[in-house]
Amino acid sequence: LGWYFADSPHFATVAGGIRNAPMGAVVQVNWRLPSGTVTPHTMFVYSRTASGVDVIESNWAASLSVRHRFISFADFDLRAVSYTVYKVISNLA
């Protein structure tokens, strides 16, 4: 499970993980479904509160869809098997 990881001049890992994720951060996570299956997933942080993060993600609830949802830190801690939070640090153009 996971992604191709390589150094990039455009992204930096966010120290402190999900609780420090800034708006626009990219979260790559191995997520445990209620069935116990673990699946890789990517989401973008829309906002963060004291109790969790609002994310924008695609193909989660249904194929070919984009949606917004709130994930509490308690649920994230329960479901995230492993994850990395990245922030964009330079223009990709």
Protein backbone atom coordinates (compact mmCIF):
# COMPACT_ATOMS: atom_id res chain seq x y z
CA LEU A 1 0.00 0.00 0.00
CA GLY A 2 1.07 3.54 -0.53
CA TRP A 3 2.47 5.85 -3.11
CA TYR A 4 5.64 6.59 -4.99
CA PHE A 5 7.69 8.72 -2.60
CA ALA A 6 10.51 10.88 -3.87
CA ASP A 7 12.05 14.16 -2.83
CA SER A 8 10.48 17.16 -4.51
CA PRO A 9 11.46 20.82 -4.44
CA HIS A 10 7.72 21.67 -4.47
CA PHE A 11 6.52 19.93 -1.30
CA ALA A 12 7.63 19.70 2.34
CA THR A 13 6.45 17.38 5.10
CA VAL A 14 4.43 19.12 7.82
CA ALA A 15 5.85 18.57 11.30
CA GLY A 16 3.22 17.63 13.88
CA GLY A 17 1.07 15.68 11.45
CA ILE A 18 -2.65 16.14 10.93
CA ARG A 19 -3.10 18.40 13.96
CA ASN A 20 -0.80 20.98 12.35
CA ALA A 21 -2.00 20.57 8.77
CA PRO A 22 -2.47 23.99 7.15
CA MET A 23 -5.20 24.84 4.67
CA GLY A 24 -4.27 23.38 1.29
CA ALA A 25 -2.10 20.62 2.72
CA VAL A 26 -2.06 17.27 0.96
CA VAL A 27 -2.68 14.23 3.17
CA GLN A 28 -1.71 10.78 1.91
CA VAL A 29 -3.01 8.09 4.21
CA ASN A 30 -3.41 4.35 4.48
CA TRP A 31 -7.01 4.36 5.80
CA ARG A 32 -8.67 1.48 7.64
CA LEU A 33 -12.26 0.97 6.49
CA PRO A 34 -14.94 -0.32 8.89
CA SER A 35 -14.48 -3.74 7.24
CA GLY A 36 -10.83 -3.76 8.35
CA THR A 37 -9.49 -3.36 4.83
CA VAL A 38 -6.73 -0.76 4.50
CA THR A 39 -6.73 1.40 1.39
CA PRO A 40 -4.49 4.27 0.23
CA HIS A 41 -6.25 7.62 -0.07
CA THR A 42 -5.32 11.24 -0.79
CA MET A 43 -7.20 14.27 0.51
CA PHE A 44 -6.70 18.03 0.76
CA VAL A 45 -7.16 20.03 3.94
CA TYR A 46 -9.85 22.69 3.54
CA SER A 47 -9.73 23.87 7.15
CA ARG A 48 -8.76 22.73 10.63
CA THR A 49 -10.55 23.16 13.95
CA ALA A 50 -9.66 22.19 17.51
CA SER A 51 -11.46 18.87 17.00
CA GLY A 52 -10.60 17.83 13.44
CA VAL A 53 -10.13 18.70 9.77
CA ASP A 54 -12.44 19.51 6.88
CA VAL A 55 -11.12 17.79 3.77
CA ILE A 56 -11.84 17.74 0.07
CA GLU A 57 -11.43 14.35 -1.58
CA SER A 58 -12.42 12.50 -4.71
CA ASN A 59 -13.63 8.96 -5.38
CA TRP A 60 -14.31 8.28 -1.70
CA ALA A 61 -18.09 8.13 -1.34
CA ALA A 62 -18.62 7.27 -5.00
CA SER A 63 -16.55 6.90 -8.13
CA LEU A 64 -16.03 10.04 -10.19
CA SER A 65 -17.18 12.30 -7.37
CA VAL A 66 -15.60 15.06 -5.31
CA ARG A 67 -16.88 15.81 -1.84
CA HIS A 68 -16.19 17.66 1.36
CA ARG A 69 -16.32 16.04 4.82
CA PHE A 70 -15.25 16.66 8.39
CA ILE A 71 -12.98 14.08 10.04
CA SER A 72 -12.54 14.34 13.81
CA PHE A 73 -9.05 13.82 15.16
CA ALA A 74 -10.42 10.88 17.17
CA ASP A 75 -11.70 9.21 13.98
CA PHE A 76 -8.50 10.04 12.12
CA ASP A 77 -6.42 8.48 14.90
CA LEU A 78 -8.61 5.36 14.78
CA ARG A 79 -8.60 4.95 10.99
CA ALA A 80 -5.21 6.23 9.82
CA VAL A 81 -2.79 3.30 9.77
CA SER A 82 -0.01 5.54 8.45
CA TYR A 83 0.01 8.95 6.82
CA THR A 84 2.04 11.94 5.72
CA VAL A 85 0.98 15.58 5.49
CA TYR A 86 2.64 17.77 2.85
CA LYS A 87 2.45 21.48 2.11
CA VAL A 88 3.20 23.12 -1.21
CA ILE A 89 6.31 25.29 -0.90
CA SER A 90 6.84 26.43 -4.49
CA ASN A 91 5.00 27.03 -7.72
CA LEU A 92 4.62 23.88 -9.81
CA ALA A 93 4.55 25.81 -13.12
